[in-house]
Amino acid sequence: MKLSAHFDLAEFTRSESAKRHGVSNEPTAEHQANLKVLCEKVLEPVRIFNEGPLNISSGYRSKNLNHFIGGSLSSQHCEGKAADIDMDGMSGKNNAQIFNYIKDNLEFDQLIWEFGDNNKPDWVHVSYNAGKNRKQVLRALKTNGRTAYAPYK
């Protein structure tokens, strides 16, 4: 199923963890609609900026899958409103360039510089919540073995 000109539903539901644990990762019609909006408002513009494909390392996650991977109980991935982009090994822009493009040019709910260092995140988390976007920009850090979030500076 096509979500937009360059994105298929399969990119957002593919999960080795779901296969390993034998859990379904099929989104509802509402979740699919949210994924379409995310693609239209954020991912298609980022793809144009990148001048080529994006690697969606994590897209939709069913509640069961999210539980198995230890995701946040309030993860927007479970609503089809978030995606993680990881451009390592891909041609085009790097993770930092993607992050800064989204921050400076697009409407979004949350944008997270996920781990990495001061030059480049390991991946970029972005969400879109139609009509309720907070434009929240954060940095994920490991503190005492746990993930903590701080305002991005």
C-alpha atoms as a PDB file:
ATOM      1  CA  MET A   1       0.000   0.000   0.000  1.00  0.00           C
ATOM      2  CA  LYS A   2       1.348   3.415  -1.002  1.00  0.00           C
ATOM      3  CA  LEU A   3       1.364   6.018   1.779  1.00  0.00           C
ATOM      4  CA  SER A   4       2.755   8.738  -0.481  1.00  0.00           C
ATOM      5  CA  ALA A   5       4.679   9.107  -3.727  1.00  0.00           C
ATOM      6  CA  HIS A   6       7.875   7.575  -2.319  1.00  0.00           C
ATOM      7  CA  PHE A   7       6.819   5.615   0.768  1.00  0.00           C
ATOM      8  CA  ASP A   8       5.116   2.226   1.133  1.00  0.00           C
ATOM      9  CA  LEU A   9       3.388   0.896   4.237  1.00  0.00           C
ATOM     10  CA  ALA A  10       5.828  -2.038   4.275  1.00  0.00           C
ATOM     11  CA  GLU A  11       8.690   0.363   5.097  1.00  0.00           C
ATOM     12  CA  PHE A  12       6.884   1.339   8.286  1.00  0.00           C
ATOM     13  CA  THR A  13       5.773  -2.107   9.444  1.00  0.00           C
ATOM     14  CA  ARG A  14       8.908  -4.155   8.669  1.00  0.00           C
ATOM     15  CA  SER A  15      10.286  -5.478  11.955  1.00  0.00           C
ATOM     16  CA  GLU A  16      12.679  -8.308  12.693  1.00  0.00           C
ATOM     17  CA  SER A  17      11.671  -8.023  16.371  1.00  0.00           C
ATOM     18  CA  ALA A  18       8.005  -8.604  15.479  1.00  0.00           C
ATOM     19  CA  LYS A  19       8.987 -11.709  13.495  1.00  0.00           C
ATOM     20  CA  ARG A  20      11.192 -13.002  16.323  1.00  0.00           C
ATOM     21  CA  HIS A  21       8.475 -12.532  18.937  1.00  0.00           C
ATOM     22  CA  GLY A  22       5.611 -13.626  16.687  1.00  0.00           C
ATOM     23  CA  VAL A  23       3.632 -10.410  17.180  1.00  0.00           C
ATOM     24  CA  SER A  24       1.514  -8.589  14.645  1.00  0.00           C
ATOM     25  CA  ASN A  25       2.689  -5.195  13.490  1.00  0.00           C
ATOM     26  CA  GLU A  26      -0.288  -4.304  11.322  1.00  0.00           C
ATOM     27  CA  PRO A  27      -1.614  -0.750  11.755  1.00  0.00           C
ATOM     28  CA  THR A  28      -5.311   0.092  11.978  1.00  0.00           C
ATOM     29  CA  ALA A  29      -6.935   2.336   9.373  1.00  0.00           C
ATOM     30  CA  GLU A  30      -6.483   5.291  11.768  1.00  0.00           C
ATOM     31  CA  HIS A  31      -2.774   4.514  12.167  1.00  0.00           C
ATOM     32  CA  GLN A  32      -2.399   4.239   8.381  1.00  0.00           C
ATOM     33  CA  ALA A  33      -4.040   7.653   7.996  1.00  0.00           C
ATOM     34  CA  ASN A  34      -1.569   9.099  10.516  1.00  0.00           C
ATOM     35  CA  LEU A  35       1.339   7.539   8.601  1.00  0.00           C
ATOM     36  CA  LYS A  36       0.081   9.133   5.372  1.00  0.00           C
ATOM     37  CA  VAL A  37       0.055  12.569   7.018  1.00  0.00           C
ATOM     38  CA  LEU A  38       3.547  12.003   8.460  1.00  0.00           C
ATOM     39  CA  CYS A  39       4.803  11.085   4.989  1.00  0.00           C
ATOM     40  CA  GLU A  40       3.098  14.041   3.314  1.00  0.00           C
ATOM     41  CA  LYS A  41       4.063  16.718   5.840  1.00  0.00           C
ATOM     42  CA  VAL A  42       7.534  15.576   6.893  1.00  0.00           C
ATOM     43  CA  LEU A  43       9.075  12.630   5.080  1.00  0.00           C
ATOM     44  CA  GLU A  44       8.354  13.640   1.466  1.00  0.00           C
ATOM     45  CA  PRO A  45       9.899  17.116   2.007  1.00  0.00           C
ATOM     46  CA  VAL A  46      12.916  15.487   3.701  1.00  0.00           C
ATOM     47  CA  ARG A  47      13.282  13.064   0.781  1.00  0.00           C
ATOM     48  CA  ILE A  48      13.300  15.996  -1.648  1.00  0.00           C
ATOM     49  CA  PHE A  49      15.924  17.762   0.487  1.00  0.00           C
ATOM     50  CA  ASN A  50      18.000  14.561   0.559  1.00  0.00           C
ATOM     51  CA  GLU A  51      17.651  14.173  -3.232  1.00  0.00           C
ATOM     52  CA  GLY A  52      17.018  10.468  -2.764  1.00  0.00           C
ATOM     53  CA  PRO A  53      15.700   7.695  -0.539  1.00  0.00           C
ATOM     54  CA  LEU A  54      15.526   7.803   3.238  1.00  0.00           C
ATOM     55  CA  ASN A  55      16.183   4.860   5.522  1.00  0.00           C
ATOM     56  CA  ILE A  56      13.238   4.516   7.909  1.00  0.00           C
ATOM     57  CA  SER A  57      14.840   2.460  10.681  1.00  0.00           C
ATOM     58  CA  SER A  58      11.671   2.404  12.799  1.00  0.00           C
ATOM     59  CA  GLY A  59       8.177   3.373  11.767  1.00  0.00           C
ATOM     60  CA  TYR A  60       4.889   2.001  13.042  1.00  0.00           C
ATOM     61  CA  ARG A  61       5.010  -0.187  16.152  1.00  0.00           C
ATOM     62  CA  SER A  62       2.032  -2.104  17.481  1.00  0.00           C
ATOM     63  CA  LYS A  63       1.621  -1.864  21.265  1.00  0.00           C
ATOM     64  CA  ASN A  64       2.815  -5.487  21.580  1.00  0.00           C
ATOM     65  CA  LEU A  65       5.916  -4.858  19.484  1.00  0.00           C
ATOM     66  CA  ASN A  66       6.642  -1.658  21.395  1.00  0.00           C
ATOM     67  CA  HIS A  67       6.460  -3.641  24.643  1.00  0.00           C
ATOM     68  CA  PHE A  68       8.906  -6.292  23.375  1.00  0.00           C
ATOM     69  CA  ILE A  69      11.504  -3.727  22.295  1.00  0.00           C
ATOM     70  CA  GLY A  70      11.178  -1.707  25.514  1.00  0.00           C
ATOM     71  CA  GLY A  71       9.732   1.386  23.842  1.00  0.00           C
ATOM     72  CA  SER A  72       8.120   4.236  25.718  1.00  0.00           C
ATOM     73  CA  LEU A  73       4.553   3.569  26.838  1.00  0.00           C
ATOM     74  CA  SER A  74       3.533   6.858  25.202  1.00  0.00           C
ATOM     75  CA  SER A  75       5.484   6.290  21.965  1.00  0.00           C
ATOM     76  CA  GLN A  76       4.004   8.064  18.970  1.00  0.00           C
ATOM     77  CA  HIS A  77       5.306   5.166  16.864  1.00  0.00           C
ATOM     78  CA  CYS A  78       2.312   3.195  18.221  1.00  0.00           C
ATOM     79  CA  GLU A  79      -0.078   5.740  16.705  1.00  0.00           C
ATOM     80  CA  GLY A  80       1.628   5.915  13.311  1.00  0.00           C
ATOM     81  CA  LYS A  81       2.745   9.461  14.043  1.00  0.00           C
ATOM     82  CA  ALA A  82       6.527   8.946  14.256  1.00  0.00           C
ATOM     83  CA  ALA A  83       9.476   7.625  12.303  1.00  0.00           C
ATOM     84  CA  ASP A  84      13.174   7.212  12.930  1.00  0.00           C
ATOM     85  CA  ILE A  85      15.521   8.127  10.088  1.00  0.00           C
ATOM     86  CA  ASP A  86      19.049   6.719   9.917  1.00  0.00           C
ATOM     87  CA  MET A  87      21.140   7.728   6.940  1.00  0.00           C
ATOM     88  CA  ASP A  88      24.312   5.817   7.916  1.00  0.00           C
ATOM     89  CA  GLY A  89      25.525   3.982   4.831  1.00  0.00           C
ATOM     90  CA  MET A  90      23.077   5.829   2.571  1.00  0.00           C
ATOM     91  CA  SER A  91      23.906   8.357  -0.131  1.00  0.00           C
ATOM     92  CA  GLY A  92      22.788  11.925   0.327  1.00  0.00           C
ATOM     93  CA  LYS A  93      22.627  13.925   3.521  1.00  0.00           C
ATOM     94  CA  ASN A  94      23.810  12.707   6.916  1.00  0.00           C
ATOM     95  CA  ASN A  95      21.715  12.437  10.090  1.00  0.00           C
ATOM     96  CA  ALA A  96      22.774  15.896  11.341  1.00  0.00           C
ATOM     97  CA  GLN A  97      21.817  17.551   8.052  1.00  0.00           C
ATOM     98  CA  ILE A  98      18.433  15.797   8.089  1.00  0.00           C
ATOM     99  CA  PHE A  99      17.845  16.858  11.712  1.00  0.00           C
ATOM    100  CA  ASN A 100      18.713  20.505  11.008  1.00  0.00           C
ATOM    101  CA  TYR A 101      16.614  20.610   7.857  1.00  0.00           C
ATOM    102  CA  ILE A 102      13.543  19.388   9.725  1.00  0.00           C
ATOM    103  CA  LYS A 103      14.202  21.745  12.666  1.00  0.00           C
ATOM    104  CA  ASP A 104      14.649  24.801  10.464  1.00  0.00           C
ATOM    105  CA  ASN A 105      12.100  24.166   7.706  1.00  0.00           C
ATOM    106  CA  LEU A 106       9.237  21.873   8.648  1.00  0.00           C
ATOM    107  CA  GLU A 107       6.272  21.632  10.980  1.00  0.00           C
ATOM    108  CA  PHE A 108       6.620  18.732  13.450  1.00  0.00           C
ATOM    109  CA  ASP A 109       5.560  17.634  16.896  1.00  0.00           C
ATOM    110  CA  GLN A 110       8.807  16.177  18.256  1.00  0.00           C
ATOM    111  CA  LEU A 111      12.272  16.118  16.798  1.00  0.00           C
ATOM    112  CA  ILE A 112      14.917  14.172  18.712  1.00  0.00           C
ATOM    113  CA  TRP A 113      18.691  14.054  18.183  1.00  0.00           C
ATOM    114  CA  GLU A 114      19.071  10.424  19.236  1.00  0.00           C
ATOM    115  CA  PHE A 115      22.358   9.768  21.043  1.00  0.00           C
ATOM    116  CA  GLY A 116      25.497  10.078  18.888  1.00  0.00           C
ATOM    117  CA  ASP A 117      27.831  12.978  19.572  1.00  0.00           C
ATOM    118  CA  ASN A 118      27.839  16.760  19.102  1.00  0.00           C
ATOM    119  CA  ASN A 119      28.444  16.389  15.362  1.00  0.00           C
ATOM    120  CA  LYS A 120      25.937  13.720  14.382  1.00  0.00           C
ATOM    121  CA  PRO A 121      23.076  11.823  16.009  1.00  0.00           C
ATOM    122  CA  ASP A 122      22.939   8.046  15.690  1.00  0.00           C
ATOM    123  CA  TRP A 123      19.473   8.556  14.163  1.00  0.00           C
ATOM    124  CA  VAL A 124      16.724  11.183  13.999  1.00  0.00           C
ATOM    125  CA  HIS A 125      13.282  10.711  15.536  1.00  0.00           C
ATOM    126  CA  VAL A 126      10.512  12.887  14.114  1.00  0.00           C
ATOM    127  CA  SER A 127       6.786  12.943  14.764  1.00  0.00           C
ATOM    128  CA  TYR A 128       3.826  14.831  13.364  1.00  0.00           C
ATOM    129  CA  ASN A 129       0.580  15.332  15.271  1.00  0.00           C
ATOM    130  CA  ALA A 130      -1.881  17.094  12.964  1.00  0.00           C
ATOM    131  CA  GLY A 131      -3.229  20.260  14.549  1.00  0.00           C
ATOM    132  CA  LYS A 132      -1.322  19.740  17.802  1.00  0.00           C
ATOM    133  CA  ASN A 133       2.345  20.060  16.874  1.00  0.00           C
ATOM    134  CA  ARG A 134       4.512  21.258  19.780  1.00  0.00           C
ATOM    135  CA  LYS A 135       7.726  21.914  17.762  1.00  0.00           C
ATOM    136  CA  GLN A 136       9.581  20.220  20.642  1.00  0.00           C
ATOM    137  CA  VAL A 137      13.290  19.701  19.928  1.00  0.00           C
ATOM    138  CA  LEU A 138      15.119  17.306  22.246  1.00  0.00           C
ATOM    139  CA  ARG A 139      18.339  15.378  22.633  1.00  0.00           C
ATOM    140  CA  ALA A 140      18.357  11.767  23.868  1.00  0.00           C
ATOM    141  CA  LEU A 141      21.212  10.890  26.217  1.00  0.00           C
ATOM    142  CA  LYS A 142      22.171   7.848  28.268  1.00  0.00           C
ATOM    143  CA  THR A 143      22.285   8.673  31.981  1.00  0.00           C
ATOM    144  CA  ASN A 144      23.068   5.868  34.430  1.00  0.00           C
ATOM    145  CA  GLY A 145      22.115   3.322  31.771  1.00  0.00           C
ATOM    146  CA  ARG A 146      18.742   4.938  31.117  1.00  0.00           C
ATOM    147  CA  THR A 147      17.545   7.199  28.328  1.00  0.00           C
ATOM    148  CA  ALA A 148      17.005  10.800  29.363  1.00  0.00           C
ATOM    149  CA  TYR A 149      15.751  13.686  27.248  1.00  0.00           C
ATOM    150  CA  ALA A 150      16.979  17.253  27.441  1.00  0.00           C
ATOM    151  CA  PRO A 151      16.141  20.344  25.403  1.00  0.00           C
ATOM    152  CA  TYR A 152      18.286  20.508  22.279  1.00  0.00           C
ATOM    153  CA  LYS A 153      20.689  23.452  22.262  1.00  0.00           C
END
